[in-house]
Amino acid sequence: GWTLDFGTSPFVIRMYDKAKEQEQK
């Protein structure tokens, strides 16, 4: 699964493969 981060604190847009993240758990 991929994760993309745009920005740093105090504001971040994050998008990721939720299905694969949960499968690994």
PDB file of all heavy atoms in Angstrom:
ATOM      1  N   GLY A   1       0.806  -1.213   0.000  1.00  0.00           N
ATOM      2  CA  GLY A   1       0.000   0.000   0.000  1.00  0.00           C
ATOM      3  C   GLY A   1       0.842   1.268   0.000  1.00  0.00           C
ATOM      4  O   GLY A   1       1.874   1.352   0.664  1.00  0.00           O
ATOM      5  N   TRP A   2       0.385   2.250  -0.780  1.00  0.00           N
ATOM      6  CA  TRP A   2       1.073   3.540  -0.881  1.00  0.00           C
ATOM      7  C   TRP A   2       0.485   4.554   0.089  1.00  0.00           C
ATOM      8  O   TRP A   2      -0.684   4.487   0.452  1.00  0.00           O
ATOM      9  CB  TRP A   2       0.948   4.098  -2.295  1.00  0.00           C
ATOM     10  CG  TRP A   2       1.629   3.323  -3.373  1.00  0.00           C
ATOM     11  CD1 TRP A   2       1.044   2.544  -4.333  1.00  0.00           C
ATOM     12  CD2 TRP A   2       3.045   3.251  -3.609  1.00  0.00           C
ATOM     13  NE1 TRP A   2       1.992   1.988  -5.151  1.00  0.00           N
ATOM     14  CE2 TRP A   2       3.231   2.409  -4.734  1.00  0.00           C
ATOM     15  CE3 TRP A   2       4.160   3.809  -2.983  1.00  0.00           C
ATOM     16  CZ2 TRP A   2       4.489   2.116  -5.237  1.00  0.00           C
ATOM     17  CZ3 TRP A   2       5.411   3.515  -3.496  1.00  0.00           C
ATOM     18  CH2 TRP A   2       5.573   2.687  -4.607  1.00  0.00           C
ATOM     19  N   THR A   3       1.319   5.523   0.452  1.00  0.00           N
ATOM     20  CA  THR A   3       0.870   6.693   1.216  1.00  0.00           C
ATOM     21  C   THR A   3       1.474   7.939   0.581  1.00  0.00           C
ATOM     22  O   THR A   3       2.677   7.966   0.274  1.00  0.00           O
ATOM     23  CB  THR A   3       1.310   6.626   2.690  1.00  0.00           C
ATOM     24  OG1 THR A   3       0.699   5.497   3.309  1.00  0.00           O
ATOM     25  CG2 THR A   3       0.888   7.878   3.440  1.00  0.00           C
ATOM     26  N   LEU A   4       0.658   8.952   0.365  1.00  0.00           N
ATOM     27  CA  LEU A   4       1.118  10.247  -0.135  1.00  0.00           C
ATOM     28  C   LEU A   4       0.845  11.301   0.926  1.00  0.00           C
ATOM     29  O   LEU A   4      -0.263  11.389   1.451  1.00  0.00           O
ATOM     30  CB  LEU A   4       0.379  10.624  -1.418  1.00  0.00           C
ATOM     31  CG  LEU A   4       0.687   9.805  -2.678  1.00  0.00           C
ATOM     32  CD1 LEU A   4      -0.249  10.222  -3.810  1.00  0.00           C
ATOM     33  CD2 LEU A   4       2.141   9.996  -3.095  1.00  0.00           C
ATOM     34  N   ASP A   5       1.862  12.093   1.261  1.00  0.00           N
ATOM     35  CA  ASP A   5       1.724  13.202   2.207  1.00  0.00           C
ATOM     36  C   ASP A   5       2.029  14.507   1.492  1.00  0.00           C
ATOM     37  O   ASP A   5       3.054  14.621   0.809  1.00  0.00           O
ATOM     38  CB  ASP A   5       2.693  13.048   3.390  1.00  0.00           C
ATOM     39  CG  ASP A   5       2.257  11.961   4.354  1.00  0.00           C
ATOM     40  OD1 ASP A   5       1.040  11.715   4.445  1.00  0.00           O
ATOM     41  OD2 ASP A   5       3.139  11.353   4.990  1.00  0.00           O
ATOM     42  N   PHE A   6       1.155  15.492   1.688  1.00  0.00           N
ATOM     43  CA  PHE A   6       1.375  16.828   1.145  1.00  0.00           C
ATOM     44  C   PHE A   6       1.296  17.818   2.306  1.00  0.00           C
ATOM     45  O   PHE A   6       0.255  17.951   2.953  1.00  0.00           O
ATOM     46  CB  PHE A   6       0.319  17.166   0.089  1.00  0.00           C
ATOM     47  CG  PHE A   6       0.327  16.241  -1.095  1.00  0.00           C
ATOM     48  CD1 PHE A   6      -0.450  15.095  -1.101  1.00  0.00           C
ATOM     49  CD2 PHE A   6       1.131  16.503  -2.193  1.00  0.00           C
ATOM     50  CE1 PHE A   6      -0.436  14.230  -2.186  1.00  0.00           C
ATOM     51  CE2 PHE A   6       1.154  15.642  -3.282  1.00  0.00           C
ATOM     52  CZ  PHE A   6       0.367  14.506  -3.273  1.00  0.00           C
ATOM     53  N   GLY A   7       2.435  18.507   2.577  1.00  0.00           N
ATOM     54  CA  GLY A   7       2.472  19.474   3.658  1.00  0.00           C
ATOM     55  C   GLY A   7       3.032  18.883   4.935  1.00  0.00           C
ATOM     56  O   GLY A   7       3.267  17.683   5.061  1.00  0.00           O
ATOM     57  N   THR A   8       3.268  19.764   5.898  1.00  0.00           N
ATOM     58  CA  THR A   8       3.723  19.384   7.239  1.00  0.00           C
ATOM     59  C   THR A   8       2.858  20.101   8.251  1.00  0.00           C
ATOM     60  O   THR A   8       2.095  20.999   7.913  1.00  0.00           O
ATOM     61  CB  THR A   8       5.208  19.770   7.448  1.00  0.00           C
ATOM     62  OG1 THR A   8       5.362  21.194   7.210  1.00  0.00           O
ATOM     63  CG2 THR A   8       6.117  19.012   6.490  1.00  0.00           C
ATOM     64  N   SER A   9       2.962  19.697   9.515  1.00  0.00           N
ATOM     65  CA  SER A   9       2.167  20.324  10.568  1.00  0.00           C
ATOM     66  C   SER A   9       2.360  21.847  10.514  1.00  0.00           C
ATOM     67  O   SER A   9       3.483  22.322  10.298  1.00  0.00           O
ATOM     68  CB  SER A   9       2.618  19.796  11.935  1.00  0.00           C
ATOM     69  OG  SER A   9       1.807  20.304  12.952  1.00  0.00           O
ATOM     70  N   PRO A  10       1.271  22.621  10.608  1.00  0.00           N
ATOM     71  CA  PRO A  10      -0.040  22.280  11.172  1.00  0.00           C
ATOM     72  C   PRO A  10      -1.090  21.812  10.183  1.00  0.00           C
ATOM     73  O   PRO A  10      -2.252  21.669  10.565  1.00  0.00           O
ATOM     74  CB  PRO A  10      -0.480  23.611  11.784  1.00  0.00           C
ATOM     75  CG  PRO A  10       0.078  24.647  10.859  1.00  0.00           C
ATOM     76  CD  PRO A  10       1.401  24.103  10.415  1.00  0.00           C
ATOM     77  N   PHE A  11      -0.718  21.531   8.910  1.00  0.00           N
ATOM     78  CA  PHE A  11      -1.727  21.085   7.966  1.00  0.00           C
ATOM     79  C   PHE A  11      -1.135  20.089   6.989  1.00  0.00           C
ATOM     80  O   PHE A  11      -0.171  20.387   6.274  1.00  0.00           O
ATOM     81  CB  PHE A  11      -2.308  22.281   7.201  1.00  0.00           C
ATOM     82  CG  PHE A  11      -3.269  21.888   6.113  1.00  0.00           C
ATOM     83  CD1 PHE A  11      -4.304  21.014   6.360  1.00  0.00           C
ATOM     84  CD2 PHE A  11      -3.115  22.388   4.835  1.00  0.00           C
ATOM     85  CE1 PHE A  11      -5.178  20.634   5.356  1.00  0.00           C
ATOM     86  CE2 PHE A  11      -3.989  22.026   3.816  1.00  0.00           C
ATOM     87  CZ  PHE A  11      -5.022  21.140   4.079  1.00  0.00           C
ATOM     88  N   VAL A  12      -1.699  18.887   6.986  1.00  0.00           N
ATOM     89  CA  VAL A  12      -1.217  17.825   6.107  1.00  0.00           C
ATOM     90  C   VAL A  12      -2.415  17.209   5.384  1.00  0.00           C
ATOM     91  O   VAL A  12      -3.454  16.952   5.993  1.00  0.00           O
ATOM     92  CB  VAL A  12      -0.491  16.719   6.903  1.00  0.00           C
ATOM     93  CG1 VAL A  12      -0.025  15.601   5.965  1.00  0.00           C
ATOM     94  CG2 VAL A  12       0.683  17.299   7.674  1.00  0.00           C
ATOM     95  N   ILE A  13      -2.270  16.997   4.080  1.00  0.00           N
ATOM     96  CA  ILE A  13      -3.220  16.187   3.320  1.00  0.00           C
ATOM     97  C   ILE A  13      -2.555  14.832   3.110  1.00  0.00           C
ATOM     98  O   ILE A  13      -1.464  14.752   2.563  1.00  0.00           O
ATOM     99  CB  ILE A  13      -3.564  16.814   1.959  1.00  0.00           C
ATOM    100  CG1 ILE A  13      -4.259  18.162   2.146  1.00  0.00           C
ATOM    101  CG2 ILE A  13      -4.461  15.869   1.148  1.00  0.00           C
ATOM    102  CD1 ILE A  13      -4.519  18.904   0.840  1.00  0.00           C
ATOM    103  N   ARG A  14      -3.218  13.796   3.581  1.00  0.00           N
ATOM    104  CA  ARG A  14      -2.641  12.446   3.484  1.00  0.00           C
ATOM    105  C   ARG A  14      -3.632  11.545   2.757  1.00  0.00           C
ATOM    106  O   ARG A  14      -4.827  11.568   3.027  1.00  0.00           O
ATOM    107  CB  ARG A  14      -2.361  11.896   4.880  1.00  0.00           C
ATOM    108  CG  ARG A  14      -1.797  10.475   4.909  1.00  0.00           C
ATOM    109  CD  ARG A  14      -1.419  10.055   6.322  1.00  0.00           C
ATOM    110  NE  ARG A  14      -0.376  10.917   6.843  1.00  0.00           N
ATOM    111  CZ  ARG A  14      -0.552  11.794   7.827  1.00  0.00           C
ATOM    112  NH1 ARG A  14      -1.749  11.929   8.394  1.00  0.00           N
ATOM    113  NH2 ARG A  14       0.445  12.547   8.236  1.00  0.00           N
ATOM    114  N   MET A  15      -3.142  10.738   1.833  1.00  0.00           N
ATOM    115  CA  MET A  15      -3.991   9.752   1.165  1.00  0.00           C
ATOM    116  C   MET A  15      -3.252   8.430   1.138  1.00  0.00           C
ATOM    117  O   MET A  15      -2.037   8.380   0.928  1.00  0.00           O
ATOM    118  CB  MET A  15      -4.381  10.216  -0.244  1.00  0.00           C
ATOM    119  CG  MET A  15      -3.253  10.671  -1.132  1.00  0.00           C
ATOM    120  SD  MET A  15      -3.839  11.515  -2.632  1.00  0.00           S
ATOM    121  CE  MET A  15      -4.514  13.011  -1.919  1.00  0.00           C
ATOM    122  N   TYR A  16      -3.993   7.342   1.394  1.00  0.00           N
ATOM    123  CA  TYR A  16      -3.329   6.047   1.474  1.00  0.00           C
ATOM    124  C   TYR A  16      -4.303   4.914   1.193  1.00  0.00           C
ATOM    125  O   TYR A  16      -5.530   5.098   1.196  1.00  0.00           O
ATOM    126  CB  TYR A  16      -2.662   5.852   2.845  1.00  0.00           C
ATOM    127  CG  TYR A  16      -3.589   5.948   4.042  1.00  0.00           C
ATOM    128  CD1 TYR A  16      -4.114   4.803   4.624  1.00  0.00           C
ATOM    129  CD2 TYR A  16      -3.907   7.180   4.594  1.00  0.00           C
ATOM    130  CE1 TYR A  16      -4.945   4.884   5.722  1.00  0.00           C
ATOM    131  CE2 TYR A  16      -4.725   7.278   5.698  1.00  0.00           C
ATOM    132  CZ  TYR A  16      -5.247   6.119   6.262  1.00  0.00           C
ATOM    133  OH  TYR A  16      -6.076   6.210   7.357  1.00  0.00           O
ATOM    134  N   ASP A  17      -3.726   3.747   0.953  1.00  0.00           N
ATOM    135  CA  ASP A  17      -4.478   2.538   0.640  1.00  0.00           C
ATOM    136  C   ASP A  17      -4.980   1.945   1.952  1.00  0.00           C
ATOM    137  O   ASP A  17      -4.281   1.202   2.622  1.00  0.00           O
ATOM    138  CB  ASP A  17      -3.572   1.550  -0.101  1.00  0.00           C
ATOM    139  CG  ASP A  17      -4.336   0.390  -0.693  1.00  0.00           C
ATOM    140  OD1 ASP A  17      -5.313  -0.049  -0.057  1.00  0.00           O
ATOM    141  OD2 ASP A  17      -3.971  -0.071  -1.783  1.00  0.00           O
ATOM    142  N   LYS A  18      -6.200   2.273   2.330  1.00  0.00           N
ATOM    143  CA  LYS A  18      -6.755   1.839   3.609  1.00  0.00           C
ATOM    144  C   LYS A  18      -6.979   0.340   3.644  1.00  0.00           C
ATOM    145  O   LYS A  18      -6.739  -0.307   4.672  1.00  0.00           O
ATOM    146  CB  LYS A  18      -8.078   2.570   3.863  1.00  0.00           C
ATOM    147  CG  LYS A  18      -8.706   2.276   5.216  1.00  0.00           C
ATOM    148  CD  LYS A  18      -7.902   2.883   6.340  1.00  0.00           C
ATOM    149  CE  LYS A  18      -8.587   2.677   7.680  1.00  0.00           C
ATOM    150  NZ  LYS A  18      -7.789   3.252   8.808  1.00  0.00           N
ATOM    151  N   ALA A  19      -7.431  -0.236   2.548  1.00  0.00           N
ATOM    152  CA  ALA A  19      -7.708  -1.669   2.517  1.00  0.00           C
ATOM    153  C   ALA A  19      -6.443  -2.483   2.800  1.00  0.00           C
ATOM    154  O   ALA A  19      -6.453  -3.417   3.608  1.00  0.00           O
ATOM    155  CB  ALA A  19      -8.306  -2.063   1.171  1.00  0.00           C
ATOM    156  N   LYS A  20      -5.334  -2.121   2.142  1.00  0.00           N
ATOM    157  CA  LYS A  20      -4.091  -2.865   2.352  1.00  0.00           C
ATOM    158  C   LYS A  20      -3.530  -2.627   3.745  1.00  0.00           C
ATOM    159  O   LYS A  20      -2.959  -3.539   4.360  1.00  0.00           O
ATOM    160  CB  LYS A  20      -3.065  -2.482   1.288  1.00  0.00           C
ATOM    161  CG  LYS A  20      -3.420  -3.000  -0.101  1.00  0.00           C
ATOM    162  CD  LYS A  20      -2.349  -2.690  -1.119  1.00  0.00           C
ATOM    163  CE  LYS A  20      -2.722  -3.249  -2.490  1.00  0.00           C
ATOM    164  NZ  LYS A  20      -1.708  -2.947  -3.520  1.00  0.00           N
ATOM    165  N   GLU A  21      -3.693  -1.411   4.265  1.00  0.00           N
ATOM    166  CA  GLU A  21      -3.245  -1.120   5.626  1.00  0.00           C
ATOM    167  C   GLU A  21      -3.962  -2.019   6.624  1.00  0.00           C
ATOM    168  O   GLU A  21      -3.339  -2.584   7.540  1.00  0.00           O
ATOM    169  CB  GLU A  21      -3.510   0.351   5.962  1.00  0.00           C
ATOM    170  CG  GLU A  21      -3.110   0.717   7.380  1.00  0.00           C
ATOM    171  CD  GLU A  21      -3.968   1.821   7.968  1.00  0.00           C
ATOM    172  OE1 GLU A  21      -5.212   1.712   7.911  1.00  0.00           O
ATOM    173  OE2 GLU A  21      -3.397   2.768   8.516  1.00  0.00           O
ATOM    174  N   GLN A  22      -5.280  -2.156   6.480  1.00  0.00           N
ATOM    175  CA  GLN A  22      -6.048  -2.978   7.405  1.00  0.00           C
ATOM    176  C   GLN A  22      -5.755  -4.461   7.225  1.00  0.00           C
ATOM    177  O   GLN A  22      -5.743  -5.223   8.190  1.00  0.00           O
ATOM    178  CB  GLN A  22      -7.541  -2.710   7.207  1.00  0.00           C
ATOM    179  CG  GLN A  22      -7.973  -1.304   7.607  1.00  0.00           C
ATOM    180  CD  GLN A  22      -7.720  -1.016   9.077  1.00  0.00           C
ATOM    181  OE1 GLN A  22      -8.309  -1.638   9.949  1.00  0.00           O
ATOM    182  NE2 GLN A  22      -6.829  -0.067   9.353  1.00  0.00           N
ATOM    183  N   GLU A  23      -5.498  -4.893   5.987  1.00  0.00           N
ATOM    184  CA  GLU A  23      -5.145  -6.296   5.737  1.00  0.00           C
ATOM    185  C   GLU A  23      -3.894  -6.680   6.499  1.00  0.00           C
ATOM    186  O   GLU A  23      -3.811  -7.764   7.081  1.00  0.00           O
ATOM    187  CB  GLU A  23      -4.927  -6.526   4.242  1.00  0.00           C
ATOM    188  CG  GLU A  23      -6.191  -6.818   3.461  1.00  0.00           C
ATOM    189  CD  GLU A  23      -5.898  -7.174   2.025  1.00  0.00           C
ATOM    190  OE1 GLU A  23      -4.820  -6.781   1.524  1.00  0.00           O
ATOM    191  OE2 GLU A  23      -6.738  -7.835   1.420  1.00  0.00           O
ATOM    192  N   GLN A  24      -2.905  -5.807   6.515  1.00  0.00           N
ATOM    193  CA  GLN A  24      -1.652  -6.103   7.205  1.00  0.00           C
ATOM    194  C   GLN A  24      -1.841  -6.203   8.709  1.00  0.00           C
ATOM    195  O   GLN A  24      -1.040  -6.830   9.407  1.00  0.00           O
ATOM    196  CB  GLN A  24      -0.616  -5.027   6.872  1.00  0.00           C
ATOM    197  CG  GLN A  24      -0.178  -5.044   5.423  1.00  0.00           C
ATOM    198  CD  GLN A  24       0.768  -3.913   5.098  1.00  0.00           C
ATOM    199  OE1 GLN A  24       1.797  -3.759   5.745  1.00  0.00           O
ATOM    200  NE2 GLN A  24       0.426  -3.112   4.105  1.00  0.00           N
ATOM    201  N   LYS A  25      -2.908  -5.605   9.219  1.00  0.00           N
ATOM    202  CA  LYS A  25      -3.220  -5.687  10.647  1.00  0.00           C
ATOM    203  C   LYS A  25      -4.181  -6.828  10.961  1.00  0.00           C
ATOM    204  O   LYS A  25      -4.605  -6.987  12.098  1.00  0.00           O
ATOM    205  CB  LYS A  25      -3.821  -4.364  11.122  1.00  0.00           C
ATOM    206  CG  LYS A  25      -2.879  -3.176  11.007  1.00  0.00           C
ATOM    207  CD  LYS A  25      -3.564  -1.898  11.452  1.00  0.00           C
ATOM    208  CE  LYS A  25      -2.645  -0.699  11.334  1.00  0.00           C
ATOM    209  NZ  LYS A  25      -3.316   0.558  11.741  1.00  0.00           N
TER     210      LYS A  25
END
